[in-house]
C-alpha atoms as a PDB file:
ATOM      1  CA  MET A   1     129.397 148.177 119.390  1.00  0.00           C
ATOM      2  CA  SER A   2     129.197 149.130 123.012  1.00  0.00           C
ATOM      3  CA  CYS A   3     130.555 147.429 126.039  1.00  0.00           C
ATOM      4  CA  TYR A   4     128.518 145.479 128.485  1.00  0.00           C
ATOM      5  CA  ALA A   5     128.507 148.372 130.953  1.00  0.00           C
ATOM      6  CA  CYS A   6     126.604 150.518 128.443  1.00  0.00           C
ATOM      7  CA  TRP A   7     123.871 147.924 127.941  1.00  0.00           C
ATOM      8  CA  PRO A   8     120.677 148.700 129.817  1.00  0.00           C
ATOM      9  CA  SER A   9     119.472 146.203 132.341  1.00  0.00           C
ATOM     10  CA  GLY A  10     116.135 144.417 132.119  1.00  0.00           C
ATOM     11  CA  ASN A  11     114.377 142.263 129.550  1.00  0.00           C
ATOM     12  CA  ALA A  12     114.811 143.421 125.971  1.00  0.00           C
ATOM     13  CA  LEU A  13     111.265 142.411 125.112  1.00  0.00           C
ATOM     14  CA  ASP A  14     109.922 144.511 127.974  1.00  0.00           C
ATOM     15  CA  ASN A  15     112.037 147.413 126.773  1.00  0.00           C
ATOM     16  CA  TRP A  16     110.551 146.959 123.322  1.00  0.00           C
ATOM     17  CA  ARG A  17     107.024 146.857 124.645  1.00  0.00           C
ATOM     18  CA  LYS A  18     107.650 149.882 126.881  1.00  0.00           C
ATOM     19  CA  PRO A  19     110.210 152.100 125.113  1.00  0.00           C
ATOM     20  CA  ARG A  20     112.545 153.949 127.472  1.00  0.00           C
ATOM     21  CA  ARG A  21     115.730 155.883 126.949  1.00  0.00           C
ATOM     22  CA  PHE A  22     118.832 154.775 128.792  1.00  0.00           C
ATOM     23  CA  PHE A  23     121.899 156.992 129.051  1.00  0.00           C
ATOM     24  CA  GLY A  24     125.255 155.649 130.112  1.00  0.00           C
ATOM     25  CA  ARG A  25     128.853 156.451 129.481  1.00  0.00           C
ATOM     26  CA  CYS A  26     130.802 153.875 127.632  1.00  0.00           C
ATOM     27  CA  SER A  27     134.139 152.880 129.136  1.00  0.00           C
ATOM     28  CA  LEU A  28     135.631 152.554 125.648  1.00  0.00           C
ATOM     29  CA  CYS A  29     134.585 155.824 124.060  1.00  0.00           C
ATOM     30  CA  SER A  30     133.655 157.839 127.184  1.00  0.00           C
ATOM     31  CA  ARG A  31     130.571 159.185 125.417  1.00  0.00           C
ATOM     32  CA  ALA A  32     126.902 158.996 126.284  1.00  0.00           C
ATOM     33  CA  ARG A  33     125.100 156.457 124.079  1.00  0.00           C
ATOM     34  CA  PRO A  34     121.303 156.898 124.137  1.00  0.00           C
ATOM     35  CA  VAL A  35     120.950 154.700 121.042  1.00  0.00           C
ATOM     36  CA  GLU A  36     122.053 151.596 122.888  1.00  0.00           C
ATOM     37  CA  LEU A  37     118.403 150.877 123.641  1.00  0.00           C
ATOM     38  CA  TYR A  38     117.583 150.404 119.943  1.00  0.00           C
ATOM     39  CA  LEU A  39     120.609 148.213 119.330  1.00  0.00           C
ATOM     40  CA  LEU A  40     119.405 146.045 122.173  1.00  0.00           C
ATOM     41  CA  TRP A  41     115.787 145.388 121.173  1.00  0.00           C
ATOM     42  CA  LEU A  42     116.231 145.346 117.396  1.00  0.00           C
ATOM     43  CA  PRO A  43     117.265 141.612 117.299  1.00  0.00           C
ATOM     44  CA  ASP A  44     114.154 140.728 119.312  1.00  0.00           C
ATOM     45  CA  VAL A  45     111.937 142.513 116.806  1.00  0.00           C
ATOM     46  CA  VAL A  46     113.588 140.664 113.928  1.00  0.00           C
ATOM     47  CA  PHE A  47     113.214 137.395 115.801  1.00  0.00           C
ATOM     48  CA  LEU A  48     109.511 137.985 116.399  1.00  0.00           C
ATOM     49  CA  ALA A  49     108.957 138.941 112.755  1.00  0.00           C
ATOM     50  CA  LEU A  50     110.695 135.803 111.515  1.00  0.00           C
ATOM     51  CA  GLY A  51     108.668 133.730 113.964  1.00  0.00           C
ATOM     52  CA  CYS A  52     105.405 135.191 112.601  1.00  0.00           C
ATOM     53  CA  VAL A  53     106.504 134.431 109.036  1.00  0.00           C
ATOM     54  CA  ARG A  54     107.360 130.846 109.922  1.00  0.00           C
ATOM     55  CA  LYS A  55     104.035 130.422 111.723  1.00  0.00           C
ATOM     56  CA  SER A  56     102.145 131.873 108.750  1.00  0.00           C
ATOM     57  CA  MET A  57     103.937 129.569 106.307  1.00  0.00           C
ATOM     58  CA  GLN A  58     103.204 126.569 108.531  1.00  0.00           C
ATOM     59  CA  VAL A  59      99.491 127.481 108.701  1.00  0.00           C
ATOM     60  CA  ARG A  60      99.395 127.877 104.917  1.00  0.00           C
ATOM     61  CA  ARG A  61     101.014 124.468 104.413  1.00  0.00           C
ATOM     62  CA  GLU A  62      98.530 122.867 106.807  1.00  0.00           C
ATOM     63  CA  MET A  63      95.596 124.547 105.019  1.00  0.00           C
ATOM     64  CA  ALA A  64      96.902 123.398 101.624  1.00  0.00           C
ATOM     65  CA  ALA A  65      97.344 119.842 102.908  1.00  0.00           C
ATOM     66  CA  ARG A  66      93.821 119.866 104.327  1.00  0.00           C
ATOM     67  CA  ALA A  67      92.402 121.174 101.043  1.00  0.00           C
ATOM     68  CA  ASP A  68      94.227 118.424  99.133  1.00  0.00           C
ATOM     69  CA  SER A  69      92.893 115.794 101.537  1.00  0.00           C
ATOM     70  CA  GLU A  70      89.342 117.092 101.164  1.00  0.00           C
ATOM     71  CA  ALA A  71      89.659 117.126  97.367  1.00  0.00           C
ATOM     72  CA  GLN A  72      90.945 113.536  97.373  1.00  0.00           C
ATOM     73  CA  ALA A  73      88.097 112.499  99.668  1.00  0.00           C
ATOM     74  CA  GLN A  74      85.566 114.097  97.328  1.00  0.00           C
ATOM     75  CA  VAL A  75      87.063 112.282  94.340  1.00  0.00           C
ATOM     76  CA  ALA A  76      87.077 108.956  96.205  1.00  0.00           C
ATOM     77  CA  ALA A  77      83.458 109.445  97.286  1.00  0.00           C
ATOM     78  CA  ARG A  78      82.347 109.944  93.675  1.00  0.00           C
ATOM     79  CA  HIS A  79      84.437 107.366  91.828  1.00  0.00           C
ATOM     80  CA  ASP A  80      84.658 103.602  91.752  1.00  0.00           C
ATOM     81  CA  PRO A  81      87.937 102.461  93.348  1.00  0.00           C
ATOM     82  CA  LEU A  82      88.365  99.504  90.969  1.00  0.00           C
ATOM     83  CA  THR A  83      87.691 100.972  87.531  1.00  0.00           C
ATOM     84  CA  GLY A  84      88.143 104.674  88.233  1.00  0.00           C
ATOM     85  CA  LEU A  85      84.769 105.431  86.676  1.00  0.00           C
ATOM     86  CA  PRO A  86      82.255 107.714  88.385  1.00  0.00           C
ATOM     87  CA  ASN A  87      79.996 105.836  90.783  1.00  0.00           C
ATOM     88  CA  ARG A  88      76.231 105.999  91.313  1.00  0.00           C
ATOM     89  CA  ARG A  89      76.477 109.170  93.387  1.00  0.00           C
ATOM     90  CA  ARG A  90      78.408 111.008  90.679  1.00  0.00           C
ATOM     91  CA  LEU A  91      76.030 109.656  88.020  1.00  0.00           C
ATOM     92  CA  VAL A  92      73.017 111.045  89.871  1.00  0.00           C
ATOM     93  CA  GLU A  93      74.748 114.425  90.148  1.00  0.00           C
ATOM     94  CA  ALA A  94      75.529 114.358  86.420  1.00  0.00           C
ATOM     95  CA  ILE A  95      71.885 113.638  85.572  1.00  0.00           C
ATOM     96  CA  GLU A  96      70.734 116.466  87.830  1.00  0.00           C
ATOM     97  CA  GLN A  97      73.173 118.875  86.198  1.00  0.00           C
ATOM     98  CA  ALA A  98      72.155 117.791  82.704  1.00  0.00           C
ATOM     99  CA  THR A  99      68.461 118.345  83.453  1.00  0.00           C
ATOM    100  CA  LYS A 100      68.782 121.818  84.972  1.00  0.00           C
ATOM    101  CA  GLY A 101      68.239 125.105  83.208  1.00  0.00           C
ATOM    102  CA  THR A 102      65.666 126.636  80.922  1.00  0.00           C
ATOM    103  CA  HIS A 103      66.879 125.123  77.634  1.00  0.00           C
ATOM    104  CA  VAL A 104      67.524 121.513  78.613  1.00  0.00           C
ATOM    105  CA  GLN A 105      68.638 119.089  75.912  1.00  0.00           C
ATOM    106  CA  GLN A 106      67.101 115.652  75.782  1.00  0.00           C
ATOM    107  CA  HIS A 107      69.326 113.005  77.369  1.00  0.00           C
ATOM    108  CA  ALA A 108      69.327 109.232  77.438  1.00  0.00           C
ATOM    109  CA  LEU A 109      70.313 106.890  80.255  1.00  0.00           C
ATOM    110  CA  PHE A 110      71.841 103.540  79.272  1.00  0.00           C
ATOM    111  CA  LEU A 111      71.749 100.878  81.986  1.00  0.00           C
ATOM    112  CA  ILE A 112      74.193  98.095  81.051  1.00  0.00           C
ATOM    113  CA  ASP A 113      74.216  94.717  82.763  1.00  0.00           C
ATOM    114  CA  LEU A 114      76.892  92.162  81.882  1.00  0.00           C
ATOM    115  CA  ASP A 115      75.814  88.708  80.725  1.00  0.00           C
ATOM    116  CA  ARG A 116      77.759  85.565  81.696  1.00  0.00           C
ATOM    117  CA  PHE A 117      79.946  87.496  84.116  1.00  0.00           C
ATOM    118  CA  LYS A 118      79.279  85.203  87.090  1.00  0.00           C
ATOM    119  CA  PRO A 119      80.644  82.103  85.292  1.00  0.00           C
ATOM    120  CA  VAL A 120      83.843  84.063  84.544  1.00  0.00           C
ATOM    121  CA  ASN A 121      84.177  84.957  88.212  1.00  0.00           C
ATOM    122  CA  ASP A 122      83.502  81.388  89.316  1.00  0.00           C
ATOM    123  CA  ALA A 123      85.785  79.749  86.745  1.00  0.00           C
ATOM    124  CA  PHE A 124      88.801  82.089  86.774  1.00  0.00           C
ATOM    125  CA  GLY A 125      88.557  83.859  90.134  1.00  0.00           C
ATOM    126  CA  HIS A 126      87.775  87.363  91.302  1.00  0.00           C
ATOM    127  CA  GLU A 127      91.088  88.803  90.107  1.00  0.00           C
ATOM    128  CA  THR A 128      90.253  87.892  86.537  1.00  0.00           C
ATOM    129  CA  GLY A 129      86.745  89.213  87.067  1.00  0.00           C
ATOM    130  CA  ASP A 130      88.190  92.539  88.218  1.00  0.00           C
ATOM    131  CA  LEU A 131      90.374  92.706  85.112  1.00  0.00           C
ATOM    132  CA  VAL A 132      87.320  92.085  82.939  1.00  0.00           C
ATOM    133  CA  LEU A 133      85.439  94.885  84.697  1.00  0.00           C
ATOM    134  CA  CYS A 134      88.351  97.281  84.162  1.00  0.00           C
ATOM    135  CA  GLU A 135      88.526  96.371  80.466  1.00  0.00           C
ATOM    136  CA  VAL A 136      84.783  96.909  80.083  1.00  0.00           C
ATOM    137  CA  ALA A 137      85.159 100.301  81.773  1.00  0.00           C
ATOM    138  CA  GLU A 138      87.873 101.339  79.300  1.00  0.00           C
ATOM    139  CA  ARG A 139      85.733 100.274  76.341  1.00  0.00           C
ATOM    140  CA  LEU A 140      82.766 102.238  77.633  1.00  0.00           C
ATOM    141  CA  LYS A 141      84.896 105.349  78.139  1.00  0.00           C
ATOM    142  CA  SER A 142      86.120 105.102  74.563  1.00  0.00           C
ATOM    143  CA  LEU A 143      82.509 104.959  73.310  1.00  0.00           C
ATOM    144  CA  THR A 144      81.164 107.791  75.468  1.00  0.00           C
ATOM    145  CA  PRO A 145      80.352 110.774  73.232  1.00  0.00           C
ATOM    146  CA  LEU A 146      81.226 114.371  74.026  1.00  0.00           C
ATOM    147  CA  GLY A 147      79.106 115.658  76.866  1.00  0.00           C
ATOM    148  CA  GLY A 148      78.369 112.154  78.165  1.00  0.00           C
ATOM    149  CA  ILE A 149      79.525 110.243  81.212  1.00  0.00           C
ATOM    150  CA  ALA A 150      80.239 106.563  81.853  1.00  0.00           C
ATOM    151  CA  ALA A 151      79.771 105.151  85.344  1.00  0.00           C
ATOM    152  CA  ARG A 152      79.875 101.902  87.273  1.00  0.00           C
ATOM    153  CA  LEU A 153      76.881 101.400  89.538  1.00  0.00           C
ATOM    154  CA  GLY A 154      78.266  98.361  91.308  1.00  0.00           C
ATOM    155  CA  GLY A 155      78.860  94.685  90.658  1.00  0.00           C
ATOM    156  CA  ASP A 156      78.518  94.079  86.919  1.00  0.00           C
ATOM    157  CA  GLU A 157      76.245  97.057  86.253  1.00  0.00           C
ATOM    158  CA  PHE A 158      77.386 100.094  84.275  1.00  0.00           C
ATOM    159  CA  ALA A 159      75.631 103.172  82.962  1.00  0.00           C
ATOM    160  CA  LEU A 160      75.975 105.863  80.326  1.00  0.00           C
ATOM    161  CA  VAL A 161      74.365 109.305  80.273  1.00  0.00           C
ATOM    162  CA  VAL A 162      74.553 110.832  76.795  1.00  0.00           C
ATOM    163  CA  PRO A 163      72.923 113.714  74.943  1.00  0.00           C
ATOM    164  CA  CYS A 164      70.102 112.481  72.752  1.00  0.00           C
ATOM    165  CA  SER A 165      70.270 113.668  69.151  1.00  0.00           C
ATOM    166  CA  SER A 166      67.956 111.069  67.625  1.00  0.00           C
ATOM    167  CA  ARG A 167      66.529 107.640  68.394  1.00  0.00           C
ATOM    168  CA  ASN A 168      68.552 106.121  65.559  1.00  0.00           C
ATOM    169  CA  GLY A 169      71.734 107.558  67.056  1.00  0.00           C
ATOM    170  CA  LEU A 170      70.915 105.959  70.392  1.00  0.00           C
ATOM    171  CA  MET A 171      70.263 102.632  68.685  1.00  0.00           C
ATOM    172  CA  ARG A 172      73.645 102.777  66.931  1.00  0.00           C
ATOM    173  CA  LEU A 173      75.384 103.610  70.205  1.00  0.00           C
ATOM    174  CA  ALA A 174      73.632 100.716  71.984  1.00  0.00           C
ATOM    175  CA  GLU A 175      74.736  98.313  69.241  1.00  0.00           C
ATOM    176  CA  GLN A 176      78.317  99.592  69.527  1.00  0.00           C
ATOM    177  CA  VAL A 177      78.261  99.077  73.305  1.00  0.00           C
ATOM    178  CA  ILE A 178      76.993  95.499  72.971  1.00  0.00           C
ATOM    179  CA  LYS A 179      79.534  94.701  70.259  1.00  0.00           C
ATOM    180  CA  ALA A 180      82.452  96.231  72.172  1.00  0.00           C
ATOM    181  CA  ILE A 181      81.664  94.387  75.397  1.00  0.00           C
ATOM    182  CA  ALA A 182      81.131  91.090  73.553  1.00  0.00           C
ATOM    183  CA  ALA A 183      84.699  91.183  72.231  1.00  0.00           C
ATOM    184  CA  PRO A 184      86.876  88.632  74.101  1.00  0.00           C
ATOM    185  CA  VAL A 185      89.075  89.808  76.953  1.00  0.00           C
ATOM    186  CA  ASP A 186      92.567  88.311  77.063  1.00  0.00           C
ATOM    187  CA  CYS A 187      94.186  88.756  80.468  1.00  0.00           C
ATOM    188  CA  GLU A 188      96.918  86.697  82.132  1.00  0.00           C
ATOM    189  CA  ARG A 189      96.582  83.744  79.727  1.00  0.00           C
ATOM    190  CA  VAL A 190      92.803  83.706  80.271  1.00  0.00           C
ATOM    191  CA  HIS A 191      90.349  84.103  77.409  1.00  0.00           C
ATOM    192  CA  ALA A 192      87.153  85.508  78.942  1.00  0.00           C
ATOM    193  CA  SER A 193      84.012  86.447  77.080  1.00  0.00           C
ATOM    194  CA  VAL A 194      80.991  88.300  78.413  1.00  0.00           C
ATOM    195  CA  GLY A 195      77.984  90.002  76.872  1.00  0.00           C
ATOM    196  CA  ALA A 196      75.738  92.924  77.707  1.00  0.00           C
ATOM    197  CA  THR A 197      72.056  93.781  77.855  1.00  0.00           C
ATOM    198  CA  VAL A 198      71.108  97.446  77.675  1.00  0.00           C
ATOM    199  CA  GLY A 199      68.016  99.255  78.921  1.00  0.00           C
ATOM    200  CA  ILE A 200      67.420 102.813  77.708  1.00  0.00           C
ATOM    201  CA  ALA A 201      65.334 105.534  79.351  1.00  0.00           C
ATOM    202  CA  LEU A 202      64.819 109.023  77.917  1.00  0.00           C
ATOM    203  CA  TYR A 203      64.656 112.390  79.656  1.00  0.00           C
ATOM    204  CA  PRO A 204      62.124 113.956  79.972  1.00  0.00           C
ATOM    205  CA  GLU A 205      59.905 111.437  78.182  1.00  0.00           C
ATOM    206  CA  ASN A 206      60.300 108.604  80.705  1.00  0.00           C
ATOM    207  CA  GLY A 207      61.156 110.539  83.867  1.00  0.00           C
ATOM    208  CA  LEU A 208      62.220 113.858  85.336  1.00  0.00           C
ATOM    209  CA  THR A 209      64.403 112.649  88.205  1.00  0.00           C
ATOM    210  CA  PRO A 210      67.490 110.402  88.340  1.00  0.00           C
ATOM    211  CA  GLU A 211      65.584 107.840  90.406  1.00  0.00           C
ATOM    212  CA  ALA A 212      62.758 107.637  87.869  1.00  0.00           C
ATOM    213  CA  LEU A 213      65.156 107.311  84.936  1.00  0.00           C
ATOM    214  CA  LEU A 214      67.172 104.578  86.665  1.00  0.00           C
ATOM    215  CA  ARG A 215      63.993 102.653  87.422  1.00  0.00           C
ATOM    216  CA  CYS A 216      62.734 102.895  83.850  1.00  0.00           C
ATOM    217  CA  ALA A 217      66.094 101.880  82.394  1.00  0.00           C
ATOM    218  CA  ASP A 218      66.199  98.942  84.828  1.00  0.00           C
ATOM    219  CA  LEU A 219      62.776  97.728  83.671  1.00  0.00           C
ATOM    220  CA  ALA A 220      63.817  97.987  80.032  1.00  0.00           C
ATOM    221  CA  MET A 221      67.046  96.125  80.719  1.00  0.00           C
ATOM    222  CA  TYR A 222      65.279  93.209  82.420  1.00  0.00           C
ATOM    223  CA  ARG A 223      62.804  93.031  79.565  1.00  0.00           C
ATOM    224  CA  GLY A 224      65.783  92.586  77.238  1.00  0.00           C
ATOM    225  CA  LYS A 225      67.192  89.811  79.447  1.00  0.00           C
ATOM    226  CA  ARG A 226      63.897  87.923  79.385  1.00  0.00           C
ATOM    227  CA  GLN A 227      63.769  88.198  75.604  1.00  0.00           C
ATOM    228  CA  GLY A 228      67.158  86.693  74.904  1.00  0.00           C
ATOM    229  CA  ARG A 229      69.922  88.954  76.278  1.00  0.00           C
ATOM    230  CA  ALA A 230      72.698  90.620  74.249  1.00  0.00           C
ATOM    231  CA  ALA A 231      70.100  93.170  73.151  1.00  0.00           C
ATOM    232  CA  PHE A 232      68.832  96.642  73.985  1.00  0.00           C
ATOM    233  CA  ARG A 233      65.335  97.800  74.824  1.00  0.00           C
ATOM    234  CA  PHE A 234      63.783 101.240  75.143  1.00  0.00           C
ATOM    235  CA  PHE A 235      61.499 101.778  78.099  1.00  0.00           C
ATOM    236  CA  GLU A 236      57.793 101.509  77.351  1.00  0.00           C
ATOM    237  CA  GLN A 237      54.939 102.381  79.685  1.00  0.00           C
ATOM    238  CA  GLU A 238      53.490  98.889  79.456  1.00  0.00           C
ATOM    239  CA  MET A 239      56.628  97.585  81.182  1.00  0.00           C
ATOM    240  CA  ASP A 240      55.736  99.547  84.294  1.00  0.00           C
ATOM    241  CA  GLU A 241      52.102  98.469  84.123  1.00  0.00           C
ATOM    242  CA  GLU A 242      53.152  94.833  83.749  1.00  0.00           C
ATOM    243  CA  LEU A 243      55.429  95.087  86.774  1.00  0.00           C
ATOM    244  CA  ARG A 244      52.723  96.633  88.941  1.00  0.00           C
ATOM    245  CA  SER A 245      50.175  94.040  87.817  1.00  0.00           C
ATOM    246  CA  ARG A 246      52.601  91.215  88.538  1.00  0.00           C
ATOM    247  CA  ALA A 247      53.376  92.565  92.002  1.00  0.00           C
ATOM    248  CA  SER A 248      49.652  92.857  92.733  1.00  0.00           C
ATOM    249  CA  LEU A 249      49.060  89.310  91.488  1.00  0.00           C
ATOM    250  CA  GLU A 250      51.800  87.867  93.690  1.00  0.00           C
ATOM    251  CA  THR A 251      50.400  89.664  96.733  1.00  0.00           C
ATOM    252  CA  SER A 252      46.899  88.369  95.989  1.00  0.00           C
ATOM    253  CA  LEU A 253      48.241  84.830  95.532  1.00  0.00           C
ATOM    254  CA  LEU A 254      49.827  84.829  98.979  1.00  0.00           C
ATOM    255  CA  SER A 255      46.535  85.989 100.434  1.00  0.00           C
ATOM    256  CA  ALA A 256      44.592  83.389  98.425  1.00  0.00           C
ATOM    257  CA  ILE A 257      46.600  80.534  99.932  1.00  0.00           C
ATOM    258  CA  THR A 258      45.717  81.586 103.462  1.00  0.00           C
ATOM    259  CA  LYS A 259      42.048  82.204 102.564  1.00  0.00           C
ATOM    260  CA  GLY A 260      41.595  78.834 100.856  1.00  0.00           C
ATOM    261  CA  GLU A 261      40.714  80.340  97.488  1.00  0.00           C
ATOM    262  CA  ILE A 262      42.936  77.822  95.664  1.00  0.00           C
ATOM    263  CA  ARG A 263      41.154  74.479  95.387  1.00  0.00           C
ATOM    264  CA  PRO A 264      42.298  71.157  93.866  1.00  0.00           C
ATOM    265  CA  HIS A 265      40.407  69.577  90.971  1.00  0.00           C
ATOM    266  CA  TYR A 266      41.092  66.017  89.810  1.00  0.00           C
ATOM    267  CA  GLN A 267      41.022  65.197  86.127  1.00  0.00           C
ATOM    268  CA  PRO A 268      41.165  61.570  84.924  1.00  0.00           C
ATOM    269  CA  LEU A 269      43.717  60.361  82.386  1.00  0.00           C
ATOM    270  CA  VAL A 270      41.781  58.139  79.931  1.00  0.00           C
ATOM    271  CA  SER A 271      43.279  55.786  77.348  1.00  0.00           C
ATOM    272  CA  MET A 272      42.068  56.517  73.821  1.00  0.00           C
ATOM    273  CA  SER A 273      42.165  52.837  72.805  1.00  0.00           C
ATOM    274  CA  ASP A 274      39.892  51.240  75.424  1.00  0.00           C
ATOM    275  CA  ASN A 275      38.628  54.253  77.382  1.00  0.00           C
ATOM    276  CA  SER A 276      40.211  52.929  80.572  1.00  0.00           C
ATOM    277  CA  VAL A 277      41.328  55.314  83.325  1.00  0.00           C
ATOM    278  CA  HIS A 278      45.069  55.166  83.887  1.00  0.00           C
ATOM    279  CA  GLY A 279      45.311  57.823  86.599  1.00  0.00           C
ATOM    280  CA  PHE A 280      44.452  61.361  87.588  1.00  0.00           C
ATOM    281  CA  GLU A 281      46.099  64.758  87.389  1.00  0.00           C
ATOM    282  CA  VAL A 282      45.481  67.456  89.954  1.00  0.00           C
ATOM    283  CA  LEU A 283      44.703  70.997  88.840  1.00  0.00           C
ATOM    284  CA  ALA A 284      44.849  73.940  91.254  1.00  0.00           C
ATOM    285  CA  ARG A 285      42.139  76.457  90.491  1.00  0.00           C
ATOM    286  CA  TRP A 286      42.038  79.904  91.981  1.00  0.00           C
ATOM    287  CA  TYR A 287      38.542  81.130  92.864  1.00  0.00           C
ATOM    288  CA  HIS A 288      39.017  84.881  93.077  1.00  0.00           C
ATOM    289  CA  LEU A 289      36.262  87.428  93.687  1.00  0.00           C
ATOM    290  CA  LYS A 290      37.737  90.028  91.295  1.00  0.00           C
ATOM    291  CA  ARG A 291      39.977  88.130  88.876  1.00  0.00           C
ATOM    292  CA  VAL A 292      37.224  86.146  87.085  1.00  0.00           C
ATOM    293  CA  CYS A 293      36.855  84.774  83.615  1.00  0.00           C
ATOM    294  CA  SER A 294      33.378  83.207  83.816  1.00  0.00           C
ATOM    295  CA  HIS A 295      30.410  82.680  86.081  1.00  0.00           C
ATOM    296  CA  ARG A 296      32.473  80.034  87.891  1.00  0.00           C
ATOM    297  CA  MET A 297      34.865  82.772  89.018  1.00  0.00           C
ATOM    298  CA  LEU A 298      37.991  81.060  87.730  1.00  0.00           C
ATOM    299  CA  LEU A 299      41.279  82.840  87.058  1.00  0.00           C
ATOM    300  CA  PHE A 300      42.279  83.377  83.425  1.00  0.00           C
ATOM    301  CA  PRO A 301      44.894  80.766  82.387  1.00  0.00           C
ATOM    302  CA  SER A 302      46.960  83.515  80.742  1.00  0.00           C
ATOM    303  CA  ARG A 303      47.211  85.336  84.070  1.00  0.00           C
ATOM    304  CA  ARG A 304      48.803  82.471  85.958  1.00  0.00           C
ATOM    305  CA  ILE A 305      52.354  82.898  87.282  1.00  0.00           C
ATOM    306  CA  LEU A 306      54.819  80.994  85.099  1.00  0.00           C
ATOM    307  CA  ASP A 307      57.933  81.275  87.269  1.00  0.00           C
END
C-alpha cells in the first residue's frame, strides 16, 4: 500500500477512461511507484462490473415477472373463473386446431344445457348454484375422452369436443353425460338435482367452422328440449329449414297485421238439442297472397304459430 502522497490527483473514473502514468516517490519506501495508477482505478472497475451484473439480474427478474403475468393473463382469458374449465374462446381455438391439417379426424361437438337449474338457483341461492356448476364441470372432465376438451360457455351451458369414432360411441357418451349430470348434488346440507339436454353436431358433416358447429348443436339441443328434455339429439338439416321457415313466418305475420291481411270471422255456437244459437266464436283468418291452401287464399291450419 502506498501513502496518500503517492496517490495521483483527479477522478479515478477519469483516470480509468483516459489511462495516464503517474510517477511519484513514496515517503515510506522512497521509491518511484508507477503502478499506483492501477491500484487506484481497479476498485472503480470492479464496482462498475458489479453494478452491470446487478442491473442485468434486475432486468432478467423484471422480464421473468412480466412473462409470468402475461402467461397468467392468457390463462385467465381462456378459462372460466368459476369452474376452471376452458371458456368459449378456448373452445373455438380447440375446434380450429382439431379441424386443421390434411388428415383431419371427424369430431363431434356436444352442446349441453342444464335442465331445472334456475329453480335450484332461486330456491337455494347463487352460492349453491355455483357449487352445482362446479360439480357438473368435474363430472364432465371425468367423462371427456382422450383428445377431447370440456368447456363452459356461460350460464348453465357446457360443451364437449371429442374425436368421433362411431355414431354409437357418441350416443353412449351422450347417455353417460345425461346420467352423470342427473345424479343428485349434495352440497352444504342441500340436495340439488338437475338434468341435461344435449345437442350434437358433427365435423365436417354439419359444418366446417366453429360458429357453424355451435349453431347446429344449438338447434339440435333446443329440439331435444321441445321433445321432453333429458335427451340428446343429432343435428338434422330439417332443423335448420324449420327455423328459417319459422323466422320467415313470424316476419310475414308482423307485416300482415299492419296490412290488414288478418280478418275476423264469426262462427255461431249451436245447441244440438234444439238448434238454438248460444253464442259466437271469433276466428282470425290470414289472407296471404303466397301462403294459400285454396282458392280463398287461406293459410294452412298446420302452419299457424302455436306459441
